[in-house]
Amino acid sequence: MSQEIMNLVEKSSLREDPLDFQIGDTVDVHTKILEGNKERIQVFSGTVIARSGGGSREMFTVRRIVAGEGVERKFPVHSPRIAKVEVKRSSVVRRAKLYFLRDRVGKAVRLKERRR
């Protein structure tokens, strides 16, 4: 009974247009940023290394290399702050979490491209 109530409450906060991407995809995440009374779009590009949670609590982690340093950022999938997620490239992966990419440097970070 309580799970049904939770599902009804969560349903109102889910996105109408689901984001279509997978682990290993190289994506551009367009995020709405508020600066004072102005709003602008900021793009964060990188590889999706993880998805976690479910329902309205679902998150995904994007990793990129900036000035030789690895930067990871977690985004809520159903956030109204995310304008869109563009898939630039899909890769062949064999696991759900790509945390092993954290230890790799340079060309070793590259993943094999998936043909569509």
N, C-alpha and C. Protein backbone atom coordinates (compact mmCIF):
# COMPACT_ATOMS: atom_id res chain seq x y z
N MET A 1 0.82 -1.20 0.00
CA MET A 1 0.00 0.00 0.00
C MET A 1 0.86 1.26 0.00
N SER A 2 1.83 1.34 0.93
CA SER A 2 2.66 2.55 1.01
C SER A 2 3.53 2.71 -0.23
N GLN A 3 3.95 1.59 -0.85
CA GLN A 3 4.74 1.68 -2.08
C GLN A 3 3.92 2.27 -3.22
N GLU A 4 2.64 1.93 -3.28
CA GLU A 4 1.76 2.47 -4.32
C GLU A 4 1.60 3.98 -4.14
N ILE A 5 1.48 4.42 -2.90
CA ILE A 5 1.37 5.85 -2.62
C ILE A 5 2.65 6.57 -3.03
N MET A 6 3.80 5.98 -2.70
CA MET A 6 5.09 6.57 -3.09
C MET A 6 5.21 6.70 -4.61
N ASN A 7 4.77 5.67 -5.33
CA ASN A 7 4.83 5.70 -6.79
C ASN A 7 3.94 6.80 -7.36
N LEU A 8 2.77 7.01 -6.78
CA LEU A 8 1.88 8.08 -7.24
C LEU A 8 2.47 9.46 -6.98
N VAL A 9 3.11 9.63 -5.81
CA VAL A 9 3.74 10.91 -5.49
C VAL A 9 4.92 11.17 -6.41
N GLU A 10 5.74 10.14 -6.66
CA GLU A 10 6.92 10.29 -7.52
C GLU A 10 6.53 10.56 -8.97
N LYS A 11 5.43 10.01 -9.42
CA LYS A 11 5.03 10.12 -10.82
C LYS A 11 4.90 11.57 -11.27
N SER A 12 4.48 12.46 -10.37
CA SER A 12 4.31 13.87 -10.74
C SER A 12 5.65 14.57 -10.98
N SER A 13 6.74 14.07 -10.40
CA SER A 13 8.03 14.74 -10.55
C SER A 13 8.91 14.12 -11.62
N LEU A 14 8.44 13.12 -12.35
CA LEU A 14 9.23 12.50 -13.40
C LEU A 14 9.14 13.32 -14.68
N ARG A 15 10.17 13.19 -15.53
CA ARG A 15 10.20 13.89 -16.82
C ARG A 15 9.17 13.31 -17.78
N GLU A 16 8.58 14.17 -18.60
CA GLU A 16 7.69 13.68 -19.66
C GLU A 16 8.51 13.14 -20.82
N ASP A 17 9.66 13.79 -21.10
CA ASP A 17 10.55 13.35 -22.18
C ASP A 17 11.77 12.66 -21.56
N PRO A 18 11.77 11.33 -21.50
CA PRO A 18 12.88 10.63 -20.85
C PRO A 18 14.20 10.83 -21.61
N LEU A 19 15.29 10.92 -20.87
CA LEU A 19 16.61 11.07 -21.47
C LEU A 19 17.08 9.71 -21.97
N ASP A 20 17.54 9.65 -23.22
CA ASP A 20 17.92 8.38 -23.83
C ASP A 20 19.43 8.33 -24.02
N PHE A 21 20.13 7.73 -23.05
CA PHE A 21 21.57 7.51 -23.14
C PHE A 21 21.91 6.30 -22.29
N GLN A 22 23.12 5.77 -22.50
CA GLN A 22 23.55 4.57 -21.80
C GLN A 22 24.93 4.79 -21.19
N ILE A 23 25.36 3.82 -20.39
CA ILE A 23 26.70 3.85 -19.82
C ILE A 23 27.71 3.76 -20.95
N GLY A 24 28.77 4.56 -20.88
CA GLY A 24 29.80 4.54 -21.92
C GLY A 24 29.58 5.57 -23.01
N ASP A 25 28.42 6.20 -23.05
CA ASP A 25 28.16 7.24 -24.06
C ASP A 25 28.93 8.51 -23.71
N THR A 26 29.44 9.17 -24.74
CA THR A 26 30.00 10.50 -24.57
C THR A 26 28.87 11.50 -24.82
N VAL A 27 28.58 12.31 -23.81
CA VAL A 27 27.40 13.17 -23.87
C VAL A 27 27.75 14.63 -23.58
N ASP A 28 26.87 15.52 -24.04
CA ASP A 28 26.87 16.93 -23.66
C ASP A 28 25.63 17.15 -22.80
N VAL A 29 25.84 17.52 -21.53
CA VAL A 29 24.72 17.78 -20.63
C VAL A 29 24.50 19.29 -20.58
N HIS A 30 23.36 19.76 -21.05
CA HIS A 30 23.02 21.18 -21.07
C HIS A 30 22.26 21.50 -19.77
N THR A 31 22.91 22.27 -18.90
CA THR A 31 22.36 22.58 -17.58
C THR A 31 21.97 24.05 -17.52
N LYS A 32 20.80 24.35 -16.95
CA LYS A 32 20.37 25.73 -16.75
C LYS A 32 21.02 26.27 -15.49
N ILE A 33 21.70 27.42 -15.61
CA ILE A 33 22.39 28.05 -14.49
C ILE A 33 21.74 29.41 -14.24
N LEU A 34 21.40 29.69 -12.98
CA LEU A 34 20.85 30.99 -12.61
C LEU A 34 21.97 31.88 -12.07
N GLU A 35 22.11 33.06 -12.67
CA GLU A 35 23.08 34.06 -12.21
C GLU A 35 22.31 35.35 -11.97
N GLY A 36 22.02 35.63 -10.72
CA GLY A 36 21.19 36.79 -10.40
C GLY A 36 19.79 36.55 -10.90
N ASN A 37 19.34 37.42 -11.82
CA ASN A 37 18.01 37.22 -12.40
C ASN A 37 18.08 36.70 -13.83
N LYS A 38 19.30 36.39 -14.30
CA LYS A 38 19.47 35.86 -15.65
C LYS A 38 19.66 34.35 -15.61
N GLU A 39 19.22 33.70 -16.66
CA GLU A 39 19.40 32.26 -16.78
C GLU A 39 20.17 31.96 -18.06
N ARG A 40 21.16 31.08 -17.95
CA ARG A 40 21.92 30.69 -19.13
C ARG A 40 22.11 29.18 -19.13
N ILE A 41 22.57 28.66 -20.27
CA ILE A 41 22.80 27.22 -20.41
C ILE A 41 24.31 26.98 -20.37
N GLN A 42 24.73 26.04 -19.51
CA GLN A 42 26.13 25.64 -19.43
C GLN A 42 26.24 24.18 -19.87
N VAL A 43 27.23 23.87 -20.70
CA VAL A 43 27.39 22.53 -21.23
C VAL A 43 28.53 21.83 -20.51
N PHE A 44 28.27 20.60 -20.06
CA PHE A 44 29.29 19.75 -19.43
C PHE A 44 29.43 18.52 -20.31
N SER A 45 30.60 18.33 -20.92
CA SER A 45 30.83 17.21 -21.83
C SER A 45 31.67 16.15 -21.14
N GLY A 46 31.35 14.89 -21.41
CA GLY A 46 32.15 13.82 -20.84
C GLY A 46 31.52 12.46 -21.10
N THR A 47 32.08 11.44 -20.44
CA THR A 47 31.62 10.06 -20.59
C THR A 47 30.76 9.67 -19.41
N VAL A 48 29.63 9.05 -19.68
CA VAL A 48 28.75 8.56 -18.61
C VAL A 48 29.40 7.31 -18.03
N ILE A 49 29.78 7.37 -16.73
CA ILE A 49 30.44 6.22 -16.12
C ILE A 49 29.52 5.45 -15.18
N ALA A 50 28.37 6.03 -14.80
CA ALA A 50 27.48 5.32 -13.87
C ALA A 50 26.07 5.90 -13.93
N ARG A 51 25.11 5.03 -13.65
CA ARG A 51 23.73 5.42 -13.38
C ARG A 51 23.33 4.72 -12.10
N SER A 52 22.63 5.42 -11.22
CA SER A 52 22.25 4.82 -9.95
C SER A 52 20.89 5.33 -9.52
N GLY A 53 20.26 4.59 -8.61
CA GLY A 53 18.96 4.97 -8.10
C GLY A 53 17.84 4.57 -9.04
N GLY A 54 16.64 4.99 -8.66
CA GLY A 54 15.49 4.67 -9.48
C GLY A 54 14.39 5.67 -9.21
N GLY A 55 13.45 5.75 -10.13
CA GLY A 55 12.35 6.69 -9.98
C GLY A 55 12.84 8.12 -10.05
N SER A 56 12.32 8.97 -9.17
CA SER A 56 12.71 10.38 -9.18
C SER A 56 14.09 10.60 -8.59
N ARG A 57 14.66 9.58 -7.93
CA ARG A 57 15.98 9.69 -7.31
C ARG A 57 17.11 9.21 -8.22
N GLU A 58 16.83 8.93 -9.47
CA GLU A 58 17.85 8.40 -10.37
C GLU A 58 18.88 9.46 -10.71
N MET A 59 20.17 9.06 -10.66
CA MET A 59 21.28 9.97 -10.94
C MET A 59 22.20 9.33 -11.98
N PHE A 60 22.98 10.18 -12.66
CA PHE A 60 24.02 9.67 -13.54
C PHE A 60 25.28 10.50 -13.35
N THR A 61 26.43 9.85 -13.53
CA THR A 61 27.73 10.48 -13.30
C THR A 61 28.44 10.63 -14.63
N VAL A 62 28.96 11.84 -14.89
CA VAL A 62 29.69 12.13 -16.12
C VAL A 62 31.12 12.52 -15.74
N ARG A 63 32.09 11.93 -16.43
CA ARG A 63 33.51 12.18 -16.15
C ARG A 63 34.19 12.77 -17.37
N ARG A 64 35.06 13.74 -17.13
CA ARG A 64 35.87 14.31 -18.19
C ARG A 64 37.22 14.71 -17.64
N ILE A 65 38.17 14.97 -18.52
CA ILE A 65 39.51 15.38 -18.12
C ILE A 65 39.65 16.86 -18.45
N VAL A 66 40.01 17.67 -17.44
CA VAL A 66 40.21 19.11 -17.63
C VAL A 66 41.61 19.46 -17.13
N ALA A 67 42.45 19.96 -18.01
CA ALA A 67 43.82 20.36 -17.67
C ALA A 67 44.57 19.22 -16.98
N GLY A 68 44.40 18.00 -17.49
CA GLY A 68 45.10 16.85 -16.94
C GLY A 68 44.52 16.30 -15.65
N GLU A 69 43.44 16.86 -15.17
CA GLU A 69 42.80 16.44 -13.92
C GLU A 69 41.41 15.89 -14.23
N GLY A 70 41.06 14.77 -13.63
CA GLY A 70 39.75 14.18 -13.84
C GLY A 70 38.68 14.93 -13.06
N VAL A 71 37.57 15.23 -13.70
CA VAL A 71 36.45 15.92 -13.06
C VAL A 71 35.20 15.09 -13.27
N GLU A 72 34.49 14.80 -12.18
CA GLU A 72 33.23 14.06 -12.26
C GLU A 72 32.11 14.92 -11.72
N ARG A 73 30.95 14.78 -12.34
CA ARG A 73 29.79 15.53 -11.88
C ARG A 73 28.57 14.62 -11.94
N LYS A 74 27.76 14.66 -10.89
CA LYS A 74 26.55 13.85 -10.82
C LYS A 74 25.35 14.74 -11.13
N PHE A 75 24.44 14.21 -11.95
CA PHE A 75 23.23 14.93 -12.33
C PHE A 75 22.01 14.08 -12.01
N PRO A 76 20.94 14.69 -11.50
CA PRO A 76 19.67 13.97 -11.37
C PRO A 76 19.01 13.84 -12.75
N VAL A 77 18.56 12.66 -13.09
CA VAL A 77 17.97 12.42 -14.42
C VAL A 77 16.70 13.24 -14.62
N HIS A 78 15.88 13.37 -13.58
CA HIS A 78 14.57 14.01 -13.71
C HIS A 78 14.57 15.47 -13.27
N SER A 79 15.73 16.10 -13.20
CA SER A 79 15.82 17.50 -12.77
C SER A 79 15.31 18.44 -13.85
N PRO A 80 14.52 19.45 -13.46
CA PRO A 80 14.10 20.46 -14.45
C PRO A 80 15.27 21.37 -14.86
N ARG A 81 16.37 21.34 -14.14
CA ARG A 81 17.55 22.15 -14.49
C ARG A 81 18.31 21.59 -15.68
N ILE A 82 18.09 20.33 -16.03
CA ILE A 82 18.75 19.75 -17.20
C ILE A 82 17.88 20.03 -18.42
N ALA A 83 18.40 20.86 -19.33
CA ALA A 83 17.66 21.22 -20.53
C ALA A 83 17.62 20.04 -21.50
N LYS A 84 18.79 19.44 -21.77
CA LYS A 84 18.84 18.27 -22.65
C LYS A 84 20.17 17.56 -22.48
N VAL A 85 20.20 16.32 -22.96
CA VAL A 85 21.42 15.52 -22.97
C VAL A 85 21.62 15.05 -24.40
N GLU A 86 22.71 15.51 -25.03
CA GLU A 86 23.03 15.13 -26.41
C GLU A 86 24.04 14.00 -26.39
N VAL A 87 23.74 12.92 -27.08
CA VAL A 87 24.70 11.81 -27.18
C VAL A 87 25.59 12.08 -28.39
N LYS A 88 26.88 12.26 -28.13
CA LYS A 88 27.84 12.53 -29.20
C LYS A 88 28.40 11.24 -29.79
N ARG A 89 28.58 10.23 -28.91
CA ARG A 89 29.23 9.00 -29.34
C ARG A 89 28.83 7.88 -28.38
N SER A 90 28.59 6.70 -28.91
CA SER A 90 28.28 5.54 -28.08
C SER A 90 29.46 4.58 -28.10
N SER A 91 29.68 3.91 -26.97
CA SER A 91 30.81 3.00 -26.85
C SER A 91 30.35 1.63 -26.42
N VAL A 92 31.15 0.63 -26.75
CA VAL A 92 30.90 -0.75 -26.34
C VAL A 92 31.45 -0.91 -24.93
N VAL A 93 30.58 -1.25 -23.98
CA VAL A 93 31.02 -1.50 -22.60
C VAL A 93 30.41 -2.81 -22.13
N ARG A 94 31.09 -3.44 -21.16
CA ARG A 94 30.64 -4.74 -20.70
C ARG A 94 30.28 -4.74 -19.22
N ARG A 95 30.20 -3.57 -18.63
CA ARG A 95 29.80 -3.49 -17.22
C ARG A 95 28.96 -2.26 -16.97
N ALA A 96 28.30 -2.24 -15.83
CA ALA A 96 27.34 -1.18 -15.51
C ALA A 96 28.02 0.06 -14.94
N LYS A 97 29.15 -0.11 -14.28
CA LYS A 97 29.87 1.02 -13.70
C LYS A 97 31.28 1.04 -14.28
N LEU A 98 31.71 2.17 -14.80
CA LEU A 98 33.02 2.29 -15.44
C LEU A 98 34.02 3.00 -14.54
N TYR A 99 34.03 2.64 -13.25
CA TYR A 99 34.93 3.29 -12.31
C TYR A 99 36.39 3.02 -12.61
N PHE A 100 36.68 1.96 -13.37
CA PHE A 100 38.06 1.65 -13.72
C PHE A 100 38.70 2.75 -14.58
N LEU A 101 37.88 3.60 -15.21
CA LEU A 101 38.42 4.69 -16.03
C LEU A 101 39.11 5.75 -15.17
N ARG A 102 38.81 5.78 -13.87
CA ARG A 102 39.44 6.75 -12.98
C ARG A 102 40.95 6.54 -12.87
N ASP A 103 41.38 5.30 -13.01
CA ASP A 103 42.80 4.98 -12.87
C ASP A 103 43.57 5.12 -14.18
N ARG A 104 42.88 5.37 -15.26
CA ARG A 104 43.53 5.41 -16.57
C ARG A 104 43.86 6.84 -16.99
N VAL A 105 44.93 6.95 -17.79
CA VAL A 105 45.42 8.25 -18.23
C VAL A 105 45.66 8.20 -19.73
N GLY A 106 45.41 9.30 -20.42
CA GLY A 106 45.74 9.43 -21.83
C GLY A 106 44.88 8.57 -22.74
N LYS A 107 45.53 7.87 -23.67
CA LYS A 107 44.81 7.08 -24.65
C LYS A 107 44.12 5.88 -24.04
N ALA A 108 44.54 5.44 -22.87
CA ALA A 108 43.93 4.28 -22.22
C ALA A 108 42.49 4.55 -21.79
N VAL A 109 42.09 5.82 -21.74
CA VAL A 109 40.74 6.19 -21.33
C VAL A 109 39.73 5.94 -22.46
N ARG A 110 40.23 5.86 -23.69
CA ARG A 110 39.33 5.70 -24.83
C ARG A 110 38.59 4.38 -24.80
N LEU A 111 37.34 4.41 -25.23
CA LEU A 111 36.49 3.22 -25.31
C LEU A 111 36.21 2.93 -26.79
N LYS A 112 35.98 1.66 -27.11
CA LYS A 112 35.70 1.25 -28.47
C LYS A 112 34.31 1.73 -28.89
N GLU A 113 34.21 2.35 -30.07
CA GLU A 113 32.95 2.92 -30.51
C GLU A 113 31.95 1.86 -30.96
N ARG A 114 30.67 2.09 -30.62
CA ARG A 114 29.59 1.19 -31.01
C ARG A 114 29.01 1.68 -32.34
N ARG A 115 28.85 0.75 -33.27
CA ARG A 115 28.25 1.09 -34.57
C ARG A 115 26.73 1.11 -34.42
N ARG A 116 26.08 2.13 -34.93
CA ARG A 116 24.62 2.23 -34.83
C ARG A 116 23.98 1.96 -36.17
